[in-house]
C-alpha atoms as a PDB file:
ATOM      1  CA  MET A   1     115.433  63.213 130.504  1.00  0.00           C
ATOM      2  CA  LEU A   2     115.212  67.344 130.266  1.00  0.00           C
ATOM      3  CA  ILE A   3     118.608  68.067 130.162  1.00  0.00           C
ATOM      4  CA  ARG A   4     119.437  66.697 126.806  1.00  0.00           C
ATOM      5  CA  PRO A   5     116.685  68.795 124.724  1.00  0.00           C
ATOM      6  CA  LEU A   6     117.839  71.737 126.786  1.00  0.00           C
ATOM      7  CA  ILE A   7     121.256  71.093 125.835  1.00  0.00           C
ATOM      8  CA  VAL A   8     120.064  70.434 121.880  1.00  0.00           C
ATOM      9  CA  ALA A   9     117.969  73.799 122.015  1.00  0.00           C
ATOM     10  CA  PHE A  10     121.074  75.896 123.258  1.00  0.00           C
ATOM     11  CA  CYS A  11     123.386  74.361 120.350  1.00  0.00           C
ATOM     12  CA  LEU A  12     120.757  74.923 117.984  1.00  0.00           C
ATOM     13  CA  LEU A  13     121.007  78.875 119.356  1.00  0.00           C
ATOM     14  CA  LEU A  14     124.398  79.318 119.465  1.00  0.00           C
ATOM     15  CA  VAL A  15     124.641  77.933 115.595  1.00  0.00           C
ATOM     16  CA  VAL A  16     121.798  80.057 114.415  1.00  0.00           C
ATOM     17  CA  ASP A  17     122.727  83.172 116.342  1.00  0.00           C
ATOM     18  CA  GLY A  18     126.732  82.573 114.590  1.00  0.00           C
ATOM     19  CA  ALA A  19     125.562  82.109 111.381  1.00  0.00           C
ATOM     20  CA  SER A  20     123.580  85.654 111.777  1.00  0.00           C
ATOM     21  CA  ALA A  21     125.936  87.175 113.384  1.00  0.00           C
ATOM     22  CA  GLN A  22     128.888  86.300 110.027  1.00  0.00           C
ATOM     23  CA  SER A  23     126.146  87.057 107.437  1.00  0.00           C
ATOM     24  CA  GLY A  24     126.054  90.872 105.983  1.00  0.00           C
ATOM     25  CA  ARG A  25     122.389  91.650 107.183  1.00  0.00           C
ATOM     26  CA  ARG A  26     121.410  92.040 110.752  1.00  0.00           C
ATOM     27  CA  ILE A  27     117.752  92.079 111.530  1.00  0.00           C
ATOM     28  CA  ALA A  28     116.743  95.036 113.656  1.00  0.00           C
ATOM     29  CA  ALA A  29     113.611  95.414 115.811  1.00  0.00           C
ATOM     30  CA  PRO A  30     110.496  95.999 113.720  1.00  0.00           C
ATOM     31  CA  SER A  31     109.220  98.411 116.437  1.00  0.00           C
ATOM     32  CA  ALA A  32     112.162 100.869 116.357  1.00  0.00           C
ATOM     33  CA  ALA A  33     111.499 104.144 115.315  1.00  0.00           C
ATOM     34  CA  ILE A  34     114.364 105.818 113.136  1.00  0.00           C
ATOM     35  CA  SER A  35     115.429 108.832 111.303  1.00  0.00           C
ATOM     36  CA  CYS A  36     118.439 108.956 109.076  1.00  0.00           C
ATOM     37  CA  LEU A  37     119.904 112.520 107.709  1.00  0.00           C
ATOM     38  CA  LEU A  38     121.148 111.744 104.077  1.00  0.00           C
ATOM     39  CA  ALA A  39     124.480 113.737 102.783  1.00  0.00           C
ATOM     40  CA  ASN A  40     122.157 115.643 100.293  1.00  0.00           C
ATOM     41  CA  GLY A  41     120.114 116.909 103.057  1.00  0.00           C
ATOM     42  CA  ASP A  42     116.850 114.527 102.842  1.00  0.00           C
ATOM     43  CA  ARG A  43     115.669 113.083 106.069  1.00  0.00           C
ATOM     44  CA  ILE A  44     114.038 109.366 105.846  1.00  0.00           C
ATOM     45  CA  THR A  45     111.945 108.813 108.994  1.00  0.00           C
ATOM     46  CA  GLY A  46     109.886 105.534 109.857  1.00  0.00           C
ATOM     47  CA  GLN A  47     110.472 102.016 111.360  1.00  0.00           C
ATOM     48  CA  THR A  48     113.744 100.060 110.966  1.00  0.00           C
ATOM     49  CA  VAL A  49     113.820  96.994 108.818  1.00  0.00           C
ATOM     50  CA  SER A  50     116.870  95.585 108.672  1.00  0.00           C
ATOM     51  CA  VAL A  51     120.556  96.939 109.458  1.00  0.00           C
ATOM     52  CA  SER A  52     124.005  95.970 107.413  1.00  0.00           C
ATOM     53  CA  SER A  53     127.182  97.210 106.710  1.00  0.00           C
ATOM     54  CA  ASP A  54     125.998  98.380 103.020  1.00  0.00           C
ATOM     55  CA  ALA A  55     122.815  99.423 103.483  1.00  0.00           C
ATOM     56  CA  ILE A  56     119.710 100.130 106.089  1.00  0.00           C
ATOM     57  CA  ALA A  57     116.222  99.278 104.918  1.00  0.00           C
ATOM     58  CA  ILE A  58     112.973 101.588 106.642  1.00  0.00           C
ATOM     59  CA  ASN A  59     109.751 101.501 106.168  1.00  0.00           C
ATOM     60  CA  THR A  60     108.113 104.420 105.574  1.00  0.00           C
ATOM     61  CA  VAL A  61     104.617 105.726 105.546  1.00  0.00           C
ATOM     62  CA  TYR A  62     104.628 107.360 102.154  1.00  0.00           C
ATOM     63  CA  ALA A  63     107.120 105.173 100.349  1.00  0.00           C
ATOM     64  CA  GLY A  64     107.018 101.679 101.863  1.00  0.00           C
ATOM     65  CA  THR A  65     109.968 100.228 102.528  1.00  0.00           C
ATOM     66  CA  VAL A  66     113.237 102.232 101.202  1.00  0.00           C
ATOM     67  CA  THR A  67     116.689 101.438 101.076  1.00  0.00           C
ATOM     68  CA  ILE A  68     119.446 103.319 101.762  1.00  0.00           C
ATOM     69  CA  ARG A  69     123.148 102.436 101.514  1.00  0.00           C
ATOM     70  CA  THR A  70     125.080 103.806 104.629  1.00  0.00           C
ATOM     71  CA  ALA A  71     127.876 105.976 102.416  1.00  0.00           C
ATOM     72  CA  MET A  72     124.788 108.187 101.519  1.00  0.00           C
ATOM     73  CA  ILE A  73     123.751 108.862 105.186  1.00  0.00           C
ATOM     74  CA  SER A  74     125.337 111.386 107.361  1.00  0.00           C
ATOM     75  CA  ARG A  75     124.085 110.438 110.736  1.00  0.00           C
ATOM     76  CA  CYS A  76     120.655 108.622 112.295  1.00  0.00           C
ATOM     77  CA  GLU A  77     118.936 109.139 115.427  1.00  0.00           C
ATOM     78  CA  THR A  78     117.317 106.362 117.222  1.00  0.00           C
ATOM     79  CA  GLU A  79     116.399 105.230 120.892  1.00  0.00           C
ATOM     80  CA  ASP A  80     116.699 101.628 120.567  1.00  0.00           C
ATOM     81  CA  GLU A  81     119.610 100.083 121.741  1.00  0.00           C
ATOM     82  CA  THR A  82     119.553  97.145 119.774  1.00  0.00           C
ATOM     83  CA  VAL A  83     119.675  99.313 116.753  1.00  0.00           C
ATOM     84  CA  ARG A  84     122.013 101.719 117.846  1.00  0.00           C
ATOM     85  CA  ALA A  85     124.521  99.009 118.541  1.00  0.00           C
ATOM     86  CA  GLN A  86     123.870  97.495 114.605  1.00  0.00           C
ATOM     87  CA  LEU A  87     124.295 101.257 113.306  1.00  0.00           C
ATOM     88  CA  SER A  88     127.891 101.923 115.278  1.00  0.00           C
ATOM     89  CA  ALA A  89     128.585  98.002 114.012  1.00  0.00           C
ATOM     90  CA  ALA A  90     127.807  99.117 110.660  1.00  0.00           C
ATOM     91  CA  LYS A  91     129.643 102.602 111.542  1.00  0.00           C
ATOM     92  CA  VAL A  92     126.907 105.030 110.924  1.00  0.00           C
ATOM     93  CA  ALA A  93     127.351 108.359 112.419  1.00  0.00           C
ATOM     94  CA  LEU A  94     124.669 108.641 115.237  1.00  0.00           C
ATOM     95  CA  LEU A  95     123.375 111.427 117.441  1.00  0.00           C
ATOM     96  CA  PRO A  96     124.369 111.860 120.959  1.00  0.00           C
ATOM     97  CA  ARG A  97     121.668 110.977 123.355  1.00  0.00           C
ATOM     98  CA  SER A  98     122.300 114.053 125.072  1.00  0.00           C
ATOM     99  CA  GLU A  99     121.938 116.425 121.750  1.00  0.00           C
ATOM    100  CA  MET A 100     118.286 113.910 121.456  1.00  0.00           C
ATOM    101  CA  ALA A 101     116.952 114.881 124.692  1.00  0.00           C
ATOM    102  CA  ALA A 102     118.061 118.800 124.110  1.00  0.00           C
ATOM    103  CA  LYS A 103     116.473 118.839 120.498  1.00  0.00           C
ATOM    104  CA  ALA A 104     113.292 116.755 121.186  1.00  0.00           C
ATOM    105  CA  PRO A 105     110.271 119.520 121.571  1.00  0.00           C
ATOM    106  CA  SER A 106     108.055 119.251 124.450  1.00  0.00           C
ATOM    107  CA  PRO A 107     104.748 117.978 123.439  1.00  0.00           C
ATOM    108  CA  GLN A 108     101.997 120.516 122.978  1.00  0.00           C
ATOM    109  CA  PRO A 109      98.145 120.097 122.456  1.00  0.00           C
ATOM    110  CA  SER A 110      97.052 120.941 119.123  1.00  0.00           C
ATOM    111  CA  PRO A 111      94.420 123.560 119.112  1.00  0.00           C
ATOM    112  CA  LYS A 112      91.041 122.283 118.084  1.00  0.00           C
ATOM    113  CA  GLY A 113      90.173 121.930 114.439  1.00  0.00           C
ATOM    114  CA  GLN A 114      93.936 122.085 113.882  1.00  0.00           C
ATOM    115  CA  GLN A 115      95.620 119.112 111.853  1.00  0.00           C
ATOM    116  CA  PRO A 116      98.866 117.911 112.438  1.00  0.00           C
ATOM    117  CA  PRO A 117     101.794 118.820 110.123  1.00  0.00           C
ATOM    118  CA  VAL A 118     102.595 117.013 107.238  1.00  0.00           C
ATOM    119  CA  ASN A 119     105.617 114.851 107.021  1.00  0.00           C
ATOM    120  CA  LYS A 120     107.766 116.755 104.405  1.00  0.00           C
ATOM    121  CA  ASP A 121     109.389 113.487 103.707  1.00  0.00           C
ATOM    122  CA  ARG A 122     106.173 111.975 102.386  1.00  0.00           C
ATOM    123  CA  GLN A 123     106.578 114.746  99.788  1.00  0.00           C
ATOM    124  CA  ARG A 124     109.505 114.020  98.297  1.00  0.00           C
ATOM    125  CA  PHE A 125     108.831 110.584  97.656  1.00  0.00           C
ATOM    126  CA  GLY A 126     106.283 108.835  95.649  1.00  0.00           C
ATOM    127  CA  TRP A 127     103.916 110.430  92.812  1.00  0.00           C
ATOM    128  CA  LYS A 128     103.191 114.048  92.163  1.00  0.00           C
ATOM    129  CA  ARG A 129     100.591 114.513  89.531  1.00  0.00           C
ATOM    130  CA  THR A 130      99.942 118.284  88.019  1.00  0.00           C
ATOM    131  CA  LEU A 131      97.530 118.557  85.296  1.00  0.00           C
ATOM    132  CA  ALA A 132      97.055 122.560  83.991  1.00  0.00           C
ATOM    133  CA  PHE A 133      93.849 123.740  82.144  1.00  0.00           C
ATOM    134  CA  ASN A 134      95.307 127.506  80.186  1.00  0.00           C
ATOM    135  CA  TYR A 135      94.408 130.121  78.328  1.00  0.00           C
ATOM    136  CA  THR A 136      96.989 131.056  75.571  1.00  0.00           C
ATOM    137  CA  PHE A 137      97.769 134.268  73.550  1.00  0.00           C
ATOM    138  CA  SER A 138      99.865 133.140  70.543  1.00  0.00           C
ATOM    139  CA  ARG A 139     102.004 135.624  68.425  1.00  0.00           C
ATOM    140  CA  GLY A 140     105.001 134.154  65.913  1.00  0.00           C
ATOM    141  CA  ASN A 141     103.549 131.854  63.377  1.00  0.00           C
ATOM    142  CA  ALA A 142      99.574 131.706  63.978  1.00  0.00           C
ATOM    143  CA  ASP A 143      98.302 134.834  65.445  1.00  0.00           C
ATOM    144  CA  ILE A 144      95.485 133.034  67.634  1.00  0.00           C
ATOM    145  CA  SER A 145      94.240 132.625  71.271  1.00  0.00           C
ATOM    146  CA  ASP A 146      93.221 129.158  72.503  1.00  0.00           C
ATOM    147  CA  LEU A 147      92.457 126.913  74.896  1.00  0.00           C
ATOM    148  CA  ASN A 148      95.254 124.026  75.940  1.00  0.00           C
ATOM    149  CA  VAL A 149      95.983 121.396  78.290  1.00  0.00           C
ATOM    150  CA  SER A 150      99.172 120.278  79.897  1.00  0.00           C
ATOM    151  CA  GLY A 151     100.692 117.595  82.155  1.00  0.00           C
ATOM    152  CA  ASN A 152     103.105 116.590  84.374  1.00  0.00           C
ATOM    153  CA  PHE A 153     103.901 113.632  86.051  1.00  0.00           C
ATOM    154  CA  VAL A 154     106.893 112.999  88.571  1.00  0.00           C
ATOM    155  CA  ARG A 155     108.088 110.005  90.071  1.00  0.00           C
ATOM    156  CA  THR A 156     110.265 110.723  93.179  1.00  0.00           C
ATOM    157  CA  TYR A 157     112.767 107.429  94.413  1.00  0.00           C
ATOM    158  CA  GLU A 158     115.428 107.250  97.070  1.00  0.00           C
ATOM    159  CA  ASP A 159     118.192 108.205  94.469  1.00  0.00           C
ATOM    160  CA  GLY A 160     116.290 109.344  91.265  1.00  0.00           C
ATOM    161  CA  ARG A 161     112.830 110.485  89.510  1.00  0.00           C
ATOM    162  CA  PHE A 162     110.734 109.520  86.494  1.00  0.00           C
ATOM    163  CA  ILE A 163     109.164 112.531  84.555  1.00  0.00           C
ATOM    164  CA  ILE A 164     106.580 112.489  82.123  1.00  0.00           C
ATOM    165  CA  GLY A 165     105.329 115.865  80.938  1.00  0.00           C
ATOM    166  CA  GLY A 166     103.628 116.811  77.972  1.00  0.00           C
ATOM    167  CA  LEU A 167     101.482 119.943  75.709  1.00  0.00           C
ATOM    168  CA  LEU A 168      98.757 119.899  73.793  1.00  0.00           C
ATOM    169  CA  ARG A 169      97.243 123.090  71.833  1.00  0.00           C
ATOM    170  CA  ARG A 170      94.751 123.127  68.978  1.00  0.00           C
ATOM    171  CA  GLY A 171      93.748 126.458  67.628  1.00  0.00           C
ATOM    172  CA  ILE A 172      90.373 126.882  65.872  1.00  0.00           C
ATOM    173  CA  LYS A 173      89.552 129.463  63.390  1.00  0.00           C
ATOM    174  CA  ASN A 174      86.568 129.963  61.466  1.00  0.00           C
ATOM    175  CA  GLY A 175      85.419 126.359  62.445  1.00  0.00           C
ATOM    176  CA  LYS A 176      88.367 124.772  61.403  1.00  0.00           C
ATOM    177  CA  ASN A 177      91.888 123.744  62.755  1.00  0.00           C
ATOM    178  CA  PHE A 178      94.359 126.104  62.317  1.00  0.00           C
ATOM    179  CA  ALA A 179      97.142 125.747  64.361  1.00  0.00           C
ATOM    180  CA  GLY A 180      98.758 122.651  66.522  1.00  0.00           C
ATOM    181  CA  LEU A 181     101.290 122.056  68.862  1.00  0.00           C
ATOM    182  CA  PHE A 182     101.966 119.131  70.464  1.00  0.00           C
ATOM    183  CA  THR A 183     104.935 118.176  72.878  1.00  0.00           C
ATOM    184  CA  SER A 184     105.659 115.140  75.087  1.00  0.00           C
ATOM    185  CA  ASN A 185     108.747 114.154  76.504  1.00  0.00           C
ATOM    186  CA  LEU A 186     109.998 111.207  79.172  1.00  0.00           C
ATOM    187  CA  ARG A 187     113.294 111.604  81.272  1.00  0.00           C
ATOM    188  CA  TYR A 188     114.817 109.491  83.912  1.00  0.00           C
ATOM    189  CA  GLU A 189     117.011 110.734  86.225  1.00  0.00           C
ATOM    190  CA  ARG A 190     119.438 108.737  88.892  1.00  0.00           C
ATOM    191  CA  ARG A 191     121.907 109.908  91.196  1.00  0.00           C
ATOM    192  CA  LEU A 192     125.897 109.273  90.972  1.00  0.00           C
ATOM    193  CA  ASP A 193     127.860 108.038  93.608  1.00  0.00           C
ATOM    194  CA  VAL A 194     131.424 109.986  92.810  1.00  0.00           C
ATOM    195  CA  ASN A 195     133.694 110.146  95.648  1.00  0.00           C
ATOM    196  CA  SER A 196     135.882 112.761  94.327  1.00  0.00           C
ATOM    197  CA  MET A 197     132.476 115.122  94.367  1.00  0.00           C
ATOM    198  CA  PRO A 198     130.689 113.853  97.763  1.00  0.00           C
ATOM    199  CA  GLN A 199     128.699 117.355  98.002  1.00  0.00           C
ATOM    200  CA  ARG A 200     127.929 118.054  94.034  1.00  0.00           C
ATOM    201  CA  HIS A 201     125.782 114.823  94.098  1.00  0.00           C
ATOM    202  CA  LEU A 202     125.984 114.634  89.923  1.00  0.00           C
ATOM    203  CA  SER A 203     123.000 112.786  88.308  1.00  0.00           C
ATOM    204  CA  PHE A 204     122.844 110.980  84.894  1.00  0.00           C
ATOM    205  CA  PHE A 205     119.532 111.470  82.710  1.00  0.00           C
ATOM    206  CA  ALA A 206     118.157 110.097  79.623  1.00  0.00           C
ATOM    207  CA  GLU A 207     115.287 111.579  78.090  1.00  0.00           C
ATOM    208  CA  ALA A 208     113.316 110.820  75.283  1.00  0.00           C
ATOM    209  CA  GLY A 209     110.870 113.388  73.311  1.00  0.00           C
ATOM    210  CA  TYR A 210     108.344 113.794  70.422  1.00  0.00           C
ATOM    211  CA  GLU A 211     107.135 117.095  69.131  1.00  0.00           C
ATOM    212  CA  ARG A 212     104.624 117.834  66.329  1.00  0.00           C
ATOM    213  CA  ASP A 213     104.045 121.773  65.492  1.00  0.00           C
ATOM    214  CA  GLU A 214     101.972 122.837  62.482  1.00  0.00           C
ATOM    215  CA  MET A 215     102.823 126.350  63.238  1.00  0.00           C
ATOM    216  CA  LYS A 216     106.273 125.633  61.784  1.00  0.00           C
ATOM    217  CA  ARG A 217     105.536 122.965  59.457  1.00  0.00           C
ATOM    218  CA  LEU A 218     106.878 120.274  61.130  1.00  0.00           C
ATOM    219  CA  ASP A 219     105.159 116.707  60.933  1.00  0.00           C
ATOM    220  CA  HIS A 220     106.898 115.467  63.484  1.00  0.00           C
ATOM    221  CA  ARG A 221     110.368 115.247  65.419  1.00  0.00           C
ATOM    222  CA  PHE A 222     112.177 112.662  67.685  1.00  0.00           C
ATOM    223  CA  VAL A 223     114.702 113.543  70.241  1.00  0.00           C
ATOM    224  CA  TRP A 224     117.157 110.933  72.248  1.00  0.00           C
ATOM    225  CA  ASN A 225     119.248 113.030  74.824  1.00  0.00           C
ATOM    226  CA  GLY A 226     121.656 111.911  77.578  1.00  0.00           C
ATOM    227  CA  GLY A 227     124.227 113.691  79.381  1.00  0.00           C
ATOM    228  CA  LEU A 228     125.101 114.831  83.468  1.00  0.00           C
ATOM    229  CA  LEU A 229     122.690 117.006  86.089  1.00  0.00           C
ATOM    230  CA  ILE A 230     124.801 119.329  88.025  1.00  0.00           C
ATOM    231  CA  PRO A 231     123.346 120.632  90.912  1.00  0.00           C
ATOM    232  CA  LEU A 232     124.523 124.420  92.009  1.00  0.00           C
ATOM    233  CA  LEU A 233     121.808 125.624  94.462  1.00  0.00           C
ATOM    234  CA  LYS A 234     119.126 123.056  96.377  1.00  0.00           C
ATOM    235  CA  SER A 235     117.238 124.506  99.574  1.00  0.00           C
ATOM    236  CA  GLU A 236     113.364 124.567 100.074  1.00  0.00           C
ATOM    237  CA  ALA A 237     113.312 128.098  98.734  1.00  0.00           C
ATOM    238  CA  GLN A 238     115.741 127.663  95.845  1.00  0.00           C
ATOM    239  CA  GLU A 239     116.987 125.277  93.139  1.00  0.00           C
ATOM    240  CA  LEU A 240     119.399 125.648  90.175  1.00  0.00           C
ATOM    241  CA  GLY A 241     120.493 123.317  88.022  1.00  0.00           C
ATOM    242  CA  ILE A 242     122.138 122.408  84.758  1.00  0.00           C
ATOM    243  CA  ASP A 243     121.715 119.901  82.275  1.00  0.00           C
ATOM    244  CA  LEU A 244     125.190 118.722  79.819  1.00  0.00           C
ATOM    245  CA  GLY A 245     124.710 116.529  76.914  1.00  0.00           C
ATOM    246  CA  GLY A 246     123.581 115.062  73.861  1.00  0.00           C
ATOM    247  CA  GLY A 247     121.902 112.871  71.320  1.00  0.00           C
ATOM    248  CA  LEU A 248     120.423 112.359  67.839  1.00  0.00           C
ATOM    249  CA  THR A 249     117.214 114.620  66.458  1.00  0.00           C
ATOM    250  CA  HIS A 250     115.091 113.334  63.676  1.00  0.00           C
ATOM    251  CA  GLU A 251     112.593 115.358  62.068  1.00  0.00           C
ATOM    252  CA  GLU A 252     110.520 115.075  58.576  1.00  0.00           C
ATOM    253  CA  TYR A 253     108.547 118.289  57.822  1.00  0.00           C
ATOM    254  CA  VAL A 254     105.630 118.667  55.364  1.00  0.00           C
ATOM    255  CA  THR A 255     107.855 119.664  52.472  1.00  0.00           C
ATOM    256  CA  GLY A 256     108.955 116.114  52.001  1.00  0.00           C
ATOM    257  CA  LEU A 257     112.222 116.844  53.827  1.00  0.00           C
ATOM    258  CA  ARG A 258     113.724 114.432  56.435  1.00  0.00           C
ATOM    259  CA  ARG A 259     116.891 114.590  58.906  1.00  0.00           C
ATOM    260  CA  THR A 260     118.878 113.124  61.305  1.00  0.00           C
ATOM    261  CA  LEU A 261     121.643 115.462  62.904  1.00  0.00           C
ATOM    262  CA  GLY A 262     123.271 115.522  66.516  1.00  0.00           C
ATOM    263  CA  GLU A 263     122.244 117.967  68.699  1.00  0.00           C
ATOM    264  CA  GLY A 264     123.840 119.385  72.132  1.00  0.00           C
ATOM    265  CA  VAL A 265     121.788 119.980  75.436  1.00  0.00           C
ATOM    266  CA  LEU A 266     122.662 122.997  77.502  1.00  0.00           C
ATOM    267  CA  ARG A 267     119.705 123.830  79.786  1.00  0.00           C
ATOM    268  CA  LEU A 268     119.762 126.008  83.175  1.00  0.00           C
ATOM    269  CA  THR A 269     116.828 125.192  85.190  1.00  0.00           C
ATOM    270  CA  SER A 270     115.821 127.138  88.271  1.00  0.00           C
ATOM    271  CA  GLU A 271     112.952 127.603  90.895  1.00  0.00           C
ATOM    272  CA  GLN A 272     112.116 130.037  93.695  1.00  0.00           C
ATOM    273  CA  LYS A 273     109.624 130.717  96.597  1.00  0.00           C
ATOM    274  CA  VAL A 274     108.197 133.942  96.041  1.00  0.00           C
ATOM    275  CA  LEU A 275     105.490 136.073  98.018  1.00  0.00           C
ATOM    276  CA  GLY A 276     105.162 133.802 100.210  1.00  0.00           C
ATOM    277  CA  SER A 277     103.875 130.232  98.994  1.00  0.00           C
ATOM    278  CA  ALA A 278     104.452 130.755  94.936  1.00  0.00           C
ATOM    279  CA  ARG A 279     106.857 129.317  92.963  1.00  0.00           C
ATOM    280  CA  PHE A 280     108.387 130.549  89.938  1.00  0.00           C
ATOM    281  CA  ARG A 281     110.314 128.348  87.809  1.00  0.00           C
ATOM    282  CA  GLN A 282     112.625 128.919  84.763  1.00  0.00           C
ATOM    283  CA  GLN A 283     113.715 127.025  82.136  1.00  0.00           C
ATOM    284  CA  ILE A 284     116.113 128.275  79.163  1.00  0.00           C
ATOM    285  CA  SER A 285     117.318 125.473  76.671  1.00  0.00           C
ATOM    286  CA  ALA A 286     119.472 125.231  73.726  1.00  0.00           C
ATOM    287  CA  PHE A 287     120.192 122.581  71.545  1.00  0.00           C
ATOM    288  CA  PRO A 288     123.135 123.788  69.181  1.00  0.00           C
ATOM    289  CA  ASP A 289     123.701 121.586  65.941  1.00  0.00           C
ATOM    290  CA  PHE A 290     127.059 119.813  65.951  1.00  0.00           C
ATOM    291  CA  ALA A 291     127.439 119.795  62.190  1.00  0.00           C
ATOM    292  CA  GLU A 292     126.339 123.180  61.758  1.00  0.00           C
ATOM    293  CA  MET A 293     127.544 124.872  64.563  1.00  0.00           C
ATOM    294  CA  GLY A 294     125.678 128.410  63.371  1.00  0.00           C
ATOM    295  CA  ARG A 295     121.909 126.314  63.626  1.00  0.00           C
ATOM    296  CA  TYR A 296     120.510 126.266  67.035  1.00  0.00           C
ATOM    297  CA  ARG A 297     117.112 125.870  69.082  1.00  0.00           C
ATOM    298  CA  PHE A 298     116.556 127.931  71.907  1.00  0.00           C
ATOM    299  CA  HIS A 299     113.404 127.299  74.177  1.00  0.00           C
ATOM    300  CA  VAL A 300     112.523 129.417  76.951  1.00  0.00           C
ATOM    301  CA  ASP A 301     110.024 128.422  79.420  1.00  0.00           C
ATOM    302  CA  LEU A 302     108.635 130.924  82.678  1.00  0.00           C
ATOM    303  CA  SER A 303     105.726 130.063  85.028  1.00  0.00           C
ATOM    304  CA  LEU A 304     103.936 131.033  88.187  1.00  0.00           C
ATOM    305  CA  ARG A 305     102.185 128.923  90.298  1.00  0.00           C
ATOM    306  CA  ALA A 306     100.276 130.315  93.260  1.00  0.00           C
ATOM    307  CA  PRO A 307      98.466 127.739  95.531  1.00  0.00           C
ATOM    308  CA  LEU A 308      95.057 128.601  95.401  1.00  0.00           C
ATOM    309  CA  THR A 309      93.749 125.693  97.974  1.00  0.00           C
ATOM    310  CA  LYS A 310      95.903 122.501  98.679  1.00  0.00           C
ATOM    311  CA  ALA A 311      95.275 121.026  95.502  1.00  0.00           C
ATOM    312  CA  LEU A 312      94.275 123.982  93.188  1.00  0.00           C
ATOM    313  CA  SER A 313      96.516 126.584  92.179  1.00  0.00           C
ATOM    314  CA  LEU A 314      96.888 129.762  89.450  1.00  0.00           C
ATOM    315  CA  ARG A 315      99.252 129.492  87.211  1.00  0.00           C
ATOM    316  CA  ILE A 316     100.752 132.175  84.928  1.00  0.00           C
ATOM    317  CA  GLY A 317     103.348 131.201  82.533  1.00  0.00           C
ATOM    318  CA  ALA A 318     105.206 132.372  78.445  1.00  0.00           C
ATOM    319  CA  LEU A 319     106.693 130.177  76.333  1.00  0.00           C
ATOM    320  CA  ASN A 320     109.049 131.250  73.697  1.00  0.00           C
ATOM    321  CA  ARG A 321     110.111 128.865  70.902  1.00  0.00           C
ATOM    322  CA  PHE A 322     113.120 130.252  68.409  1.00  0.00           C
ATOM    323  CA  ASP A 323     114.705 128.362  65.491  1.00  0.00           C
ATOM    324  CA  ASN A 324     117.224 130.543  63.698  1.00  0.00           C
ATOM    325  CA  ARG A 325     116.828 128.597  60.485  1.00  0.00           C
ATOM    326  CA  PRO A 326     113.686 127.805  59.580  1.00  0.00           C
ATOM    327  CA  GLN A 327     112.552 124.917  56.923  1.00  0.00           C
ATOM    328  CA  GLU A 328     110.834 127.925  54.580  1.00  0.00           C
ATOM    329  CA  GLN A 329     111.217 131.394  53.752  1.00  0.00           C
ATOM    330  CA  ASN A 330     107.508 132.051  54.838  1.00  0.00           C
ATOM    331  CA  VAL A 331     108.239 130.824  58.158  1.00  0.00           C
ATOM    332  CA  LYS A 332     108.883 132.508  61.056  1.00  0.00           C
ATOM    333  CA  ARG A 333     111.837 132.011  63.954  1.00  0.00           C
ATOM    334  CA  ASN A 334     109.811 132.806  66.792  1.00  0.00           C
ATOM    335  CA  ASP A 335     106.824 132.059  68.341  1.00  0.00           C
ATOM    336  CA  PHE A 336     105.774 133.310  71.498  1.00  0.00           C
ATOM    337  CA  SER A 337     102.675 132.405  73.627  1.00  0.00           C
ATOM    338  CA  LEU A 338     101.525 133.927  76.818  1.00  0.00           C
ATOM    339  CA  MET A 339      98.983 131.185  79.335  1.00  0.00           C
ATOM    340  CA  SER A 340      96.930 131.515  81.946  1.00  0.00           C
ATOM    341  CA  GLY A 341      95.079 129.090  83.452  1.00  0.00           C
ATOM    342  CA  LEU A 342      94.379 126.765  86.669  1.00  0.00           C
ATOM    343  CA  ALA A 343      96.659 123.506  87.676  1.00  0.00           C
ATOM    344  CA  VAL A 344      95.469 120.733  89.552  1.00  0.00           C
ATOM    345  CA  GLU A 345      97.592 118.427  91.916  1.00  0.00           C
ATOM    346  CA  PHE A 346      96.958 114.579  93.086  1.00  0.00           C
END
């Protein structure tokens, strides 16, 4: 009597096992620790969720479950035999056990009161928010000194990021509003898979911006741009990239002038680590007019950020905004500002 139920259970087990083997997704041991090095140099560390011929799902403590395409993985490291077999079947390179044993550091007790090192993968993904409060000294269409606030919110994904930024300035002279500047920008970047250029890691970007500049008598400016982000250098100590693209710009001035024009985008962004843990960032942007090649706008944004604590840093910067053909004769082409203040990261 017991033989027949056992035979039925065994047949059902064979059917389930055959169906899972033929499906594109193989479930891995949930407790299997894994570390994967991506082709762009990033490393994802966590617990294996699933492995298939197309993608690997890893549960991380900093970004939840992250799915990575196998084509983007350079190699993986794990001690679990089941996961190693699944990775081999998915044609993912594995670090040999001999090298894993050689590179594994011997456990050492942490000094009393010292925190364990922060996982760098946790800092690469998720939200990074910054608010800066600055004192500004300006020369150009308005020679004033004022207080201003700026913010930058970045959400980083495995294959892209989303950025929200803004700057608000309000100059007051003799109790009255004398000059004001407000800019905001939304930007989305997504990495492209270009088989012919596997080491370039090109990204597509799309951005929308709003600007109001009372110093240049600009009531508002709407900008829609798109193009390619070309990374030239990327390391922990230095980054360098170029934006190439174009879009539409709609402007309205207090004089009643309204116009919509096509503009190009040429932007160079660089950041270096200096003086220990300080970061120096430079961004140079040019916006040529497609209809009038002799007309262009030019922005230079420099900033030096030195951390004081984990969440607080000292910020010194310079901002230069140039328009070679302003709308009125009494409006100057150039506005230059020096800023210093404190930035809070959270």
